[in-house]
Amino acid sequence: MAPMHLTPREEERLLIAAGADLARRRIARGAQLGATDAIALVSDAVLEAAWDGATLDAAIEVGKAAVPPHALLPGTASLVPQVQVEALFPHGSVLVVVPAPFGPPEPDGPGAVRPGTDRRALAPGRRRSPCTIHNAGRDSIWISSHAPLDALNDAITIGGLPDGRWRLDVPAGISRRIDAGEQIEVTAVEMTGEAP
């Protein structure tokens, strides 16, 4: 027997079919599905619907209905906010996105954010200073929360800061956009530690 040569896409399709078959067998015997099995079953349902000529909206609905809610392990909905699969429709390939395929996440499920009730000071005890930031360049520039203000793009000028190393006084992960020609007033907070 000659070896079978498969494209990467064909190999992926067969793996999804095998995972979906495993999921169906688990459901049939009353076992619950984890994220991997459930994703395979949703993906398989979408791929088959597309193959059969369903519309994109219909394929998404088939994907959402593929796994009964009682067949999921607790927390699965929280782990899978969406499923994306490239499906071959009669008109060509389309990336199908099935949002919340297992319903909304549990409020206290995996990845849940439980904000505290107390307010925390950011960089407590550090000096703060108002300053101006001017973008003399042609393009918008983003300044991230922990970028040293003395090490920015040459198009940026900072005014009004005392000596020292400073950064924007914003929470970690926040950035400020400064459009070309724009000047903004911000508060900076002194950085600690040595310059790299």
N, C-alpha and C. Protein backbone atom coordinates (compact mmCIF):
# COMPACT_ATOMS: atom_id res chain seq x y z
N MET A 1 0.85 -1.18 0.00
CA MET A 1 0.00 0.00 0.00
C MET A 1 0.89 1.24 0.00
N ALA A 2 0.59 2.17 -0.87
CA ALA A 2 1.38 3.40 -0.99
C ALA A 2 1.08 4.32 0.18
N PRO A 3 2.09 5.09 0.63
CA PRO A 3 1.84 6.03 1.73
C PRO A 3 0.89 7.14 1.29
N MET A 4 0.12 7.64 2.25
CA MET A 4 -0.82 8.73 1.97
C MET A 4 -0.12 10.05 2.26
N HIS A 5 -0.16 10.95 1.34
CA HIS A 5 0.43 12.27 1.52
C HIS A 5 -0.69 13.27 1.77
N LEU A 6 -0.62 13.94 2.90
CA LEU A 6 -1.64 14.91 3.29
C LEU A 6 -1.03 16.29 3.40
N THR A 7 -1.80 17.29 3.03
CA THR A 7 -1.37 18.68 3.24
C THR A 7 -1.54 18.99 4.73
N PRO A 8 -0.87 20.01 5.21
CA PRO A 8 -1.06 20.39 6.62
C PRO A 8 -2.53 20.67 6.95
N ARG A 9 -3.26 21.27 6.02
CA ARG A 9 -4.68 21.54 6.26
C ARG A 9 -5.48 20.23 6.40
N GLU A 10 -5.16 19.23 5.56
CA GLU A 10 -5.84 17.94 5.65
C GLU A 10 -5.49 17.23 6.95
N GLU A 11 -4.24 17.32 7.38
CA GLU A 11 -3.85 16.72 8.66
C GLU A 11 -4.61 17.37 9.81
N GLU A 12 -4.71 18.69 9.77
CA GLU A 12 -5.44 19.40 10.82
C GLU A 12 -6.91 18.99 10.84
N ARG A 13 -7.50 18.86 9.66
CA ARG A 13 -8.91 18.47 9.58
C ARG A 13 -9.14 17.10 10.18
N LEU A 14 -8.21 16.16 9.90
CA LEU A 14 -8.34 14.80 10.46
C LEU A 14 -8.15 14.80 11.97
N LEU A 15 -7.25 15.64 12.48
CA LEU A 15 -7.08 15.73 13.94
C LEU A 15 -8.34 16.29 14.61
N ILE A 16 -8.94 17.30 13.97
CA ILE A 16 -10.18 17.86 14.52
C ILE A 16 -11.28 16.80 14.51
N ALA A 17 -11.37 16.04 13.41
CA ALA A 17 -12.39 14.99 13.33
C ALA A 17 -12.16 13.93 14.40
N ALA A 18 -10.91 13.57 14.64
CA ALA A 18 -10.61 12.57 15.68
C ALA A 18 -10.97 13.11 17.06
N GLY A 19 -10.64 14.38 17.33
CA GLY A 19 -10.99 14.99 18.61
C GLY A 19 -12.49 15.08 18.80
N ALA A 20 -13.21 15.42 17.72
CA ALA A 20 -14.67 15.51 17.80
C ALA A 20 -15.29 14.14 18.03
N ASP A 21 -14.72 13.11 17.39
CA ASP A 21 -15.21 11.75 17.61
C ASP A 21 -15.02 11.33 19.06
N LEU A 22 -13.87 11.65 19.63
CA LEU A 22 -13.62 11.36 21.05
C LEU A 22 -14.63 12.09 21.92
N ALA A 23 -14.91 13.35 21.60
CA ALA A 23 -15.90 14.12 22.38
C ALA A 23 -17.27 13.48 22.30
N ARG A 24 -17.68 13.04 21.11
CA ARG A 24 -19.00 12.40 20.97
C ARG A 24 -19.08 11.10 21.78
N ARG A 25 -18.00 10.33 21.77
CA ARG A 25 -17.99 9.07 22.56
C ARG A 25 -18.06 9.37 24.05
N ARG A 26 -17.39 10.42 24.50
CA ARG A 26 -17.44 10.79 25.92
C ARG A 26 -18.85 11.24 26.30
N ILE A 27 -19.47 12.05 25.45
CA ILE A 27 -20.84 12.50 25.73
C ILE A 27 -21.78 11.30 25.77
N ALA A 28 -21.61 10.36 24.85
CA ALA A 28 -22.48 9.18 24.78
C ALA A 28 -22.42 8.34 26.04
N ARG A 29 -21.26 8.30 26.69
CA ARG A 29 -21.17 7.50 27.92
C ARG A 29 -21.37 8.33 29.18
N GLY A 30 -21.74 9.62 28.99
CA GLY A 30 -22.07 10.46 30.14
C GLY A 30 -20.89 11.20 30.74
N ALA A 31 -19.73 11.14 30.11
CA ALA A 31 -18.56 11.87 30.63
C ALA A 31 -18.63 13.32 30.19
N GLN A 32 -18.05 14.19 30.98
CA GLN A 32 -18.03 15.62 30.63
C GLN A 32 -16.79 15.94 29.82
N LEU A 33 -16.90 17.01 29.04
CA LEU A 33 -15.82 17.42 28.15
C LEU A 33 -15.01 18.56 28.75
N GLY A 34 -13.71 18.49 28.51
CA GLY A 34 -12.84 19.61 28.83
C GLY A 34 -12.77 20.54 27.64
N ALA A 35 -11.95 21.57 27.76
CA ALA A 35 -11.88 22.59 26.71
C ALA A 35 -11.43 22.01 25.37
N THR A 36 -10.41 21.15 25.38
CA THR A 36 -9.87 20.64 24.12
C THR A 36 -10.90 19.83 23.34
N ASP A 37 -11.57 18.90 24.02
CA ASP A 37 -12.58 18.06 23.35
C ASP A 37 -13.74 18.92 22.85
N ALA A 38 -14.16 19.87 23.69
CA ALA A 38 -15.31 20.71 23.33
C ALA A 38 -14.98 21.60 22.13
N ILE A 39 -13.77 22.14 22.09
CA ILE A 39 -13.34 22.96 20.95
C ILE A 39 -13.32 22.12 19.68
N ALA A 40 -12.83 20.89 19.78
CA ALA A 40 -12.80 20.00 18.61
C ALA A 40 -14.21 19.75 18.09
N LEU A 41 -15.16 19.55 19.00
CA LEU A 41 -16.53 19.26 18.58
C LEU A 41 -17.17 20.49 17.91
N VAL A 42 -16.95 21.67 18.47
CA VAL A 42 -17.46 22.90 17.85
C VAL A 42 -16.83 23.10 16.48
N SER A 43 -15.51 22.94 16.40
CA SER A 43 -14.80 23.13 15.13
C SER A 43 -15.30 22.16 14.07
N ASP A 44 -15.47 20.89 14.45
CA ASP A 44 -15.94 19.88 13.52
C ASP A 44 -17.34 20.23 13.01
N ALA A 45 -18.20 20.67 13.91
CA ALA A 45 -19.57 21.03 13.51
C ALA A 45 -19.56 22.19 12.51
N VAL A 46 -18.72 23.19 12.75
CA VAL A 46 -18.62 24.34 11.84
C VAL A 46 -18.07 23.90 10.49
N LEU A 47 -17.01 23.09 10.51
CA LEU A 47 -16.40 22.63 9.26
C LEU A 47 -17.38 21.81 8.41
N GLU A 48 -18.13 20.96 9.06
CA GLU A 48 -19.11 20.14 8.32
C GLU A 48 -20.26 21.00 7.78
N ALA A 49 -20.71 21.97 8.57
CA ALA A 49 -21.78 22.85 8.10
C ALA A 49 -21.31 23.64 6.88
N ALA A 50 -20.07 24.14 6.92
CA ALA A 50 -19.52 24.87 5.78
C ALA A 50 -19.42 23.96 4.56
N TRP A 51 -18.95 22.73 4.78
CA TRP A 51 -18.81 21.76 3.68
C TRP A 51 -20.15 21.48 3.02
N ASP A 52 -21.20 21.46 3.86
CA ASP A 52 -22.55 21.19 3.35
C ASP A 52 -23.21 22.41 2.71
N GLY A 53 -22.51 23.55 2.69
CA GLY A 53 -23.04 24.72 2.02
C GLY A 53 -23.82 25.68 2.89
N ALA A 54 -23.72 25.56 4.20
CA ALA A 54 -24.44 26.48 5.09
C ALA A 54 -23.89 27.89 4.94
N THR A 55 -24.69 28.87 5.32
CA THR A 55 -24.20 30.26 5.34
C THR A 55 -23.26 30.41 6.54
N LEU A 56 -22.53 31.50 6.56
CA LEU A 56 -21.63 31.76 7.68
C LEU A 56 -22.40 31.83 8.99
N ASP A 57 -23.51 32.58 9.00
CA ASP A 57 -24.31 32.70 10.23
C ASP A 57 -24.85 31.35 10.68
N ALA A 58 -25.29 30.53 9.73
CA ALA A 58 -25.80 29.21 10.08
C ALA A 58 -24.68 28.33 10.64
N ALA A 59 -23.49 28.41 10.07
CA ALA A 59 -22.35 27.61 10.57
C ALA A 59 -22.00 28.02 12.00
N ILE A 60 -22.07 29.32 12.29
CA ILE A 60 -21.80 29.79 13.66
C ILE A 60 -22.84 29.24 14.63
N GLU A 61 -24.10 29.27 14.23
CA GLU A 61 -25.17 28.74 15.10
C GLU A 61 -25.01 27.23 15.33
N VAL A 62 -24.62 26.49 14.28
CA VAL A 62 -24.37 25.06 14.43
C VAL A 62 -23.23 24.83 15.44
N GLY A 63 -22.19 25.67 15.35
CA GLY A 63 -21.08 25.56 16.30
C GLY A 63 -21.52 25.83 17.72
N LYS A 64 -22.35 26.85 17.92
CA LYS A 64 -22.83 27.17 19.28
C LYS A 64 -23.69 26.05 19.87
N ALA A 65 -24.39 25.32 19.01
CA ALA A 65 -25.29 24.25 19.48
C ALA A 65 -24.61 22.89 19.55
N ALA A 66 -23.33 22.81 19.19
CA ALA A 66 -22.66 21.51 19.08
C ALA A 66 -22.46 20.79 20.41
N VAL A 67 -22.30 21.54 21.48
CA VAL A 67 -22.00 20.93 22.78
C VAL A 67 -23.11 21.28 23.77
N PRO A 68 -23.81 20.28 24.28
CA PRO A 68 -24.84 20.57 25.28
C PRO A 68 -24.20 21.10 26.56
N PRO A 69 -24.80 22.09 27.20
CA PRO A 69 -24.20 22.70 28.40
C PRO A 69 -23.88 21.69 29.51
N HIS A 70 -24.73 20.65 29.67
CA HIS A 70 -24.49 19.68 30.74
C HIS A 70 -23.27 18.80 30.46
N ALA A 71 -22.76 18.85 29.22
CA ALA A 71 -21.65 17.98 28.85
C ALA A 71 -20.28 18.61 29.11
N LEU A 72 -20.25 19.79 29.73
CA LEU A 72 -18.99 20.50 29.94
C LEU A 72 -18.52 20.40 31.39
N LEU A 73 -17.22 20.26 31.55
CA LEU A 73 -16.63 20.36 32.89
C LEU A 73 -16.80 21.79 33.39
N PRO A 74 -16.92 21.97 34.69
CA PRO A 74 -17.03 23.33 35.23
C PRO A 74 -15.83 24.18 34.81
N GLY A 75 -16.09 25.41 34.45
CA GLY A 75 -15.03 26.33 34.08
C GLY A 75 -14.69 26.37 32.61
N THR A 76 -15.24 25.45 31.82
CA THR A 76 -14.88 25.41 30.40
C THR A 76 -15.31 26.68 29.67
N ALA A 77 -16.48 27.20 29.98
CA ALA A 77 -16.94 28.43 29.31
C ALA A 77 -15.99 29.59 29.59
N SER A 78 -15.41 29.63 30.78
CA SER A 78 -14.47 30.70 31.11
C SER A 78 -13.17 30.57 30.34
N LEU A 79 -12.77 29.34 30.06
CA LEU A 79 -11.50 29.10 29.38
C LEU A 79 -11.58 29.36 27.88
N VAL A 80 -12.79 29.32 27.32
CA VAL A 80 -12.94 29.42 25.86
C VAL A 80 -13.90 30.56 25.52
N PRO A 81 -13.38 31.80 25.42
CA PRO A 81 -14.27 32.91 25.08
C PRO A 81 -14.74 32.88 23.64
N GLN A 82 -13.98 32.20 22.76
CA GLN A 82 -14.40 32.06 21.36
C GLN A 82 -13.62 30.90 20.74
N VAL A 83 -14.17 30.38 19.64
CA VAL A 83 -13.49 29.36 18.84
C VAL A 83 -13.33 29.94 17.44
N GLN A 84 -12.12 29.83 16.89
CA GLN A 84 -11.85 30.28 15.53
C GLN A 84 -11.41 29.08 14.72
N VAL A 85 -12.01 28.91 13.56
CA VAL A 85 -11.63 27.81 12.68
C VAL A 85 -11.79 28.27 11.23
N GLU A 86 -10.82 27.93 10.40
CA GLU A 86 -10.90 28.28 8.99
C GLU A 86 -11.68 27.19 8.27
N ALA A 87 -12.83 27.56 7.73
CA ALA A 87 -13.73 26.59 7.11
C ALA A 87 -13.82 26.81 5.61
N LEU A 88 -13.97 25.71 4.88
CA LEU A 88 -14.08 25.76 3.43
C LEU A 88 -15.56 25.75 3.04
N PHE A 89 -16.05 26.92 2.61
CA PHE A 89 -17.41 27.07 2.11
C PHE A 89 -17.38 26.89 0.60
N PRO A 90 -18.53 26.72 -0.06
CA PRO A 90 -18.53 26.59 -1.52
C PRO A 90 -17.86 27.77 -2.23
N HIS A 91 -17.91 28.97 -1.63
CA HIS A 91 -17.33 30.15 -2.25
C HIS A 91 -15.87 30.37 -1.86
N GLY A 92 -15.33 29.57 -0.95
CA GLY A 92 -13.93 29.70 -0.54
C GLY A 92 -13.76 29.59 0.97
N SER A 93 -12.53 29.77 1.42
CA SER A 93 -12.20 29.66 2.85
C SER A 93 -12.58 30.93 3.60
N VAL A 94 -13.10 30.74 4.81
CA VAL A 94 -13.50 31.85 5.66
C VAL A 94 -13.09 31.52 7.09
N LEU A 95 -12.54 32.49 7.78
CA LEU A 95 -12.27 32.32 9.20
C LEU A 95 -13.58 32.50 9.95
N VAL A 96 -14.04 31.44 10.56
CA VAL A 96 -15.31 31.46 11.29
C VAL A 96 -14.99 31.67 12.77
N VAL A 97 -15.60 32.67 13.37
CA VAL A 97 -15.42 32.95 14.79
C VAL A 97 -16.74 32.66 15.48
N VAL A 98 -16.70 31.71 16.41
CA VAL A 98 -17.90 31.36 17.18
C VAL A 98 -17.73 32.00 18.55
N PRO A 99 -18.44 33.12 18.82
CA PRO A 99 -18.27 33.79 20.11
C PRO A 99 -19.01 33.04 21.22
N ALA A 100 -18.39 33.00 22.39
CA ALA A 100 -18.98 32.35 23.57
C ALA A 100 -19.66 31.03 23.21
N PRO A 101 -18.91 30.07 22.65
CA PRO A 101 -19.54 28.83 22.19
C PRO A 101 -20.18 28.01 23.30
N PHE A 102 -19.77 28.23 24.53
CA PHE A 102 -20.31 27.46 25.66
C PHE A 102 -21.06 28.35 26.63
N GLY A 103 -21.49 29.51 26.15
CA GLY A 103 -22.23 30.44 26.98
C GLY A 103 -21.30 31.40 27.69
N PRO A 104 -21.87 32.28 28.50
CA PRO A 104 -21.05 33.26 29.21
C PRO A 104 -20.20 32.57 30.28
N PRO A 105 -19.03 33.15 30.58
CA PRO A 105 -18.19 32.55 31.61
C PRO A 105 -18.83 32.66 32.99
N GLU A 106 -18.48 31.71 33.85
CA GLU A 106 -18.97 31.76 35.22
C GLU A 106 -18.33 32.95 35.92
N PRO A 107 -19.08 33.66 36.77
CA PRO A 107 -18.51 34.84 37.43
C PRO A 107 -17.23 34.53 38.22
N ASP A 108 -17.15 33.35 38.81
CA ASP A 108 -15.96 32.98 39.58
C ASP A 108 -15.20 31.83 38.94
N GLY A 109 -15.36 31.66 37.63
CA GLY A 109 -14.66 30.59 36.92
C GLY A 109 -13.19 30.93 36.70
N PRO A 110 -12.46 30.04 36.03
CA PRO A 110 -11.05 30.31 35.75
C PRO A 110 -10.87 31.64 35.03
N GLY A 111 -9.89 32.41 35.47
CA GLY A 111 -9.61 33.70 34.86
C GLY A 111 -10.50 34.83 35.34
N ALA A 112 -11.39 34.53 36.29
CA ALA A 112 -12.29 35.58 36.79
C ALA A 112 -11.49 36.67 37.49
N VAL A 113 -11.93 37.90 37.33
CA VAL A 113 -11.31 39.03 38.00
C VAL A 113 -12.21 39.44 39.15
N ARG A 114 -11.64 39.44 40.33
CA ARG A 114 -12.38 39.83 41.52
C ARG A 114 -11.77 41.09 42.09
N PRO A 115 -12.25 42.24 41.68
CA PRO A 115 -11.64 43.48 42.17
C PRO A 115 -11.87 43.66 43.66
N GLY A 116 -10.87 44.19 44.31
CA GLY A 116 -10.99 44.47 45.74
C GLY A 116 -11.80 45.72 45.96
N THR A 117 -12.14 45.95 47.20
CA THR A 117 -12.94 47.13 47.54
C THR A 117 -12.07 48.30 47.96
N ASP A 118 -10.80 48.02 48.31
CA ASP A 118 -9.94 49.10 48.75
C ASP A 118 -9.20 49.73 47.57
N ARG A 119 -8.86 50.99 47.70
CA ARG A 119 -8.11 51.71 46.67
C ARG A 119 -6.63 51.61 47.03
N ARG A 120 -5.82 51.35 46.04
CA ARG A 120 -4.38 51.25 46.27
C ARG A 120 -3.68 52.42 45.59
N ALA A 121 -2.74 52.99 46.31
CA ALA A 121 -1.95 54.08 45.74
C ALA A 121 -0.92 53.48 44.79
N LEU A 122 -0.75 54.11 43.64
CA LEU A 122 0.27 53.68 42.70
C LEU A 122 1.55 54.44 42.98
N ALA A 123 2.65 53.71 43.08
CA ALA A 123 3.97 54.30 43.37
C ALA A 123 3.90 55.19 44.61
N PRO A 124 3.48 54.64 45.76
CA PRO A 124 3.32 55.48 46.95
C PRO A 124 4.67 56.04 47.41
N GLY A 125 4.64 57.28 47.87
CA GLY A 125 5.83 57.91 48.41
C GLY A 125 6.77 58.50 47.38
N ARG A 126 6.51 58.33 46.10
CA ARG A 126 7.40 58.88 45.07
C ARG A 126 6.98 60.30 44.70
N ARG A 127 7.96 61.09 44.30
CA ARG A 127 7.67 62.46 43.87
C ARG A 127 6.85 62.45 42.59
N ARG A 128 5.96 63.41 42.47
CA ARG A 128 5.17 63.60 41.27
C ARG A 128 5.35 65.03 40.79
N SER A 129 5.21 65.20 39.48
CA SER A 129 5.39 66.53 38.92
C SER A 129 4.53 66.68 37.67
N PRO A 130 3.87 67.84 37.53
CA PRO A 130 3.17 68.09 36.26
C PRO A 130 4.22 68.40 35.19
N CYS A 131 3.90 68.06 33.95
CA CYS A 131 4.81 68.37 32.85
C CYS A 131 4.01 68.45 31.55
N THR A 132 4.67 68.95 30.51
CA THR A 132 4.07 68.97 29.18
C THR A 132 4.84 68.02 28.29
N ILE A 133 4.12 67.37 27.40
CA ILE A 133 4.74 66.51 26.41
C ILE A 133 4.28 67.01 25.05
N HIS A 134 5.25 67.30 24.18
CA HIS A 134 4.94 67.81 22.85
C HIS A 134 5.48 66.84 21.80
N ASN A 135 4.64 66.50 20.84
CA ASN A 135 5.04 65.64 19.72
C ASN A 135 5.26 66.53 18.51
N ALA A 136 6.54 66.76 18.17
CA ALA A 136 6.88 67.59 17.02
C ALA A 136 7.00 66.77 15.74
N GLY A 137 6.72 65.49 15.83
CA GLY A 137 6.86 64.61 14.68
C GLY A 137 5.67 64.64 13.75
N ARG A 138 5.75 63.79 12.70
CA ARG A 138 4.69 63.69 11.69
C ARG A 138 3.65 62.64 12.03
N ASP A 139 3.98 61.74 12.96
CA ASP A 139 3.09 60.62 13.28
C ASP A 139 2.68 60.65 14.74
N SER A 140 1.58 59.98 15.04
CA SER A 140 1.17 59.81 16.43
C SER A 140 2.18 58.92 17.14
N ILE A 141 2.39 59.19 18.41
CA ILE A 141 3.32 58.40 19.21
C ILE A 141 2.61 57.98 20.49
N TRP A 142 2.78 56.74 20.85
CA TRP A 142 2.22 56.21 22.09
C TRP A 142 3.34 56.13 23.13
N ILE A 143 3.05 56.55 24.34
CA ILE A 143 4.00 56.43 25.45
C ILE A 143 3.39 55.49 26.47
N SER A 144 4.08 54.40 26.74
CA SER A 144 3.55 53.40 27.67
C SER A 144 3.86 53.77 29.11
N SER A 145 3.18 53.10 30.02
CA SER A 145 3.21 53.44 31.44
C SER A 145 4.60 53.49 32.05
N HIS A 146 5.49 52.61 31.64
CA HIS A 146 6.79 52.54 32.31
C HIS A 146 7.95 52.99 31.42
N ALA A 147 7.64 53.70 30.33
CA ALA A 147 8.70 54.21 29.46
C ALA A 147 9.35 55.42 30.14
N PRO A 148 10.67 55.41 30.31
CA PRO A 148 11.34 56.58 30.88
C PRO A 148 11.16 57.79 29.96
N LEU A 149 10.71 58.89 30.51
CA LEU A 149 10.41 60.06 29.68
C LEU A 149 11.67 60.69 29.09
N ASP A 150 12.84 60.37 29.64
CA ASP A 150 14.08 60.91 29.08
C ASP A 150 14.67 60.02 27.99
N ALA A 151 13.96 58.95 27.62
CA ALA A 151 14.49 58.02 26.61
C ALA A 151 13.46 57.77 25.51
N LEU A 152 12.69 58.79 25.17
CA LEU A 152 11.64 58.63 24.18
C LEU A 152 12.12 58.99 22.78
N ASN A 153 11.24 58.84 21.83
CA ASN A 153 11.45 59.22 20.44
C ASN A 153 11.96 60.67 20.37
N ASP A 154 12.87 60.93 19.44
CA ASP A 154 13.43 62.28 19.31
C ASP A 154 12.38 63.34 18.97
N ALA A 155 11.24 62.93 18.47
CA ALA A 155 10.19 63.90 18.13
C ALA A 155 9.46 64.40 19.38
N ILE A 156 9.68 63.77 20.51
CA ILE A 156 9.00 64.12 21.76
C ILE A 156 9.89 65.04 22.59
N THR A 157 9.30 66.14 23.05
CA THR A 157 10.00 67.01 24.00
C THR A 157 9.17 67.08 25.28
N ILE A 158 9.89 67.06 26.40
CA ILE A 158 9.26 67.08 27.72
C ILE A 158 9.62 68.41 28.37
N GLY A 159 8.65 69.09 28.94
CA GLY A 159 8.90 70.35 29.61
C GLY A 159 8.39 70.35 31.03
N GLY A 160 9.15 71.00 31.92
CA GLY A 160 8.66 71.22 33.28
C GLY A 160 9.03 70.16 34.30
N LEU A 161 9.90 69.21 33.95
CA LEU A 161 10.26 68.17 34.92
C LEU A 161 11.55 68.52 35.65
N PRO A 162 11.61 68.29 36.95
CA PRO A 162 12.87 68.44 37.68
C PRO A 162 13.85 67.34 37.25
N ASP A 163 15.10 67.46 37.68
CA ASP A 163 16.09 66.43 37.38
C ASP A 163 15.63 65.08 37.93
N GLY A 164 16.07 64.02 37.28
CA GLY A 164 15.74 62.66 37.70
C GLY A 164 15.14 61.89 36.54
N ARG A 165 14.77 60.65 36.82
CA ARG A 165 14.12 59.79 35.81
C ARG A 165 12.64 59.73 36.13
N TRP A 166 11.83 59.95 35.12
CA TRP A 166 10.39 60.07 35.30
C TRP A 166 9.67 59.19 34.29
N ARG A 167 8.44 58.82 34.63
CA ARG A 167 7.54 58.10 33.73
C ARG A 167 6.15 58.68 33.93
N LEU A 168 5.23 58.29 33.05
CA LEU A 168 3.84 58.74 33.21
C LEU A 168 3.26 58.20 34.50
N ASP A 169 2.46 58.98 35.18
CA ASP A 169 1.80 58.54 36.41
C ASP A 169 0.46 57.89 36.05
N VAL A 170 0.55 56.71 35.44
CA VAL A 170 -0.63 55.94 35.05
C VAL A 170 -0.41 54.48 35.47
N PRO A 171 -1.47 53.69 35.62
CA PRO A 171 -1.31 52.28 35.99
C PRO A 171 -0.53 51.50 34.93
N ALA A 172 0.09 50.43 35.35
CA ALA A 172 0.85 49.57 34.45
C ALA A 172 -0.03 49.11 33.30
N GLY A 173 0.55 49.14 32.09
CA GLY A 173 -0.17 48.68 30.91
C GLY A 173 -0.96 49.75 30.18
N ILE A 174 -1.06 50.93 30.78
CA ILE A 174 -1.79 52.02 30.14
C ILE A 174 -0.82 52.83 29.28
N SER A 175 -1.28 53.28 28.14
CA SER A 175 -0.47 54.11 27.26
C SER A 175 -1.23 55.39 26.93
N ARG A 176 -0.48 56.43 26.62
CA ARG A 176 -1.08 57.69 26.18
C ARG A 176 -0.68 57.95 24.74
N ARG A 177 -1.63 58.35 23.93
CA ARG A 177 -1.36 58.68 22.53
C ARG A 177 -1.19 60.19 22.42
N ILE A 178 -0.16 60.58 21.69
CA ILE A 178 0.07 61.99 21.43
C ILE A 178 0.15 62.14 19.92
N ASP A 179 -0.83 62.80 19.36
CA ASP A 179 -0.89 62.97 17.91
C ASP A 179 0.17 63.95 17.43
N ALA A 180 0.48 63.90 16.15
CA ALA A 180 1.47 64.79 15.54
C ALA A 180 1.10 66.24 15.83
N GLY A 181 2.07 67.00 16.33
CA GLY A 181 1.84 68.41 16.62
C GLY A 181 1.13 68.68 17.93
N GLU A 182 0.69 67.67 18.62
CA GLU A 182 -0.09 67.85 19.85
C GLU A 182 0.82 68.07 21.06
N GLN A 183 0.32 68.86 22.00
CA GLN A 183 0.99 69.04 23.29
C GLN A 183 -0.03 68.72 24.38
N ILE A 184 0.37 67.90 25.33
CA ILE A 184 -0.55 67.51 26.40
C ILE A 184 0.08 67.81 27.75
N GLU A 185 -0.78 68.00 28.74
CA GLU A 185 -0.35 68.18 30.12
C GLU A 185 -0.59 66.85 30.84
N VAL A 186 0.43 66.37 31.52
CA VAL A 186 0.32 65.10 32.24
C VAL A 186 1.00 65.23 33.60
N THR A 187 0.81 64.21 34.41
CA THR A 187 1.56 64.11 35.66
C THR A 187 2.55 62.97 35.49
N ALA A 188 3.78 63.22 35.93
CA ALA A 188 4.82 62.19 35.87
C ALA A 188 5.17 61.77 37.29
N VAL A 189 5.66 60.55 37.41
CA VAL A 189 6.09 60.04 38.71
C VAL A 189 7.56 59.65 38.59
N GLU A 190 8.31 59.91 39.64
CA GLU A 190 9.75 59.61 39.61
C GLU A 190 9.97 58.10 39.62
N MET A 191 10.93 57.68 38.81
CA MET A 191 11.27 56.25 38.74
C MET A 191 12.35 55.97 39.77
N THR A 192 12.36 54.74 40.25
CA THR A 192 13.43 54.32 41.16
C THR A 192 14.32 53.34 40.44
N GLY A 193 15.48 53.07 40.99
CA GLY A 193 16.40 52.15 40.35
C GLY A 193 17.30 52.88 39.38
N GLU A 194 18.21 52.14 38.78
CA GLU A 194 19.18 52.74 37.87
C GLU A 194 18.74 52.59 36.44
N ALA A 195 19.20 53.51 35.61
CA ALA A 195 18.89 53.44 34.18
C ALA A 195 19.59 52.25 33.57
N PRO A 196 18.96 51.56 32.59
CA PRO A 196 19.60 50.42 31.96
C PRO A 196 20.77 50.84 31.12
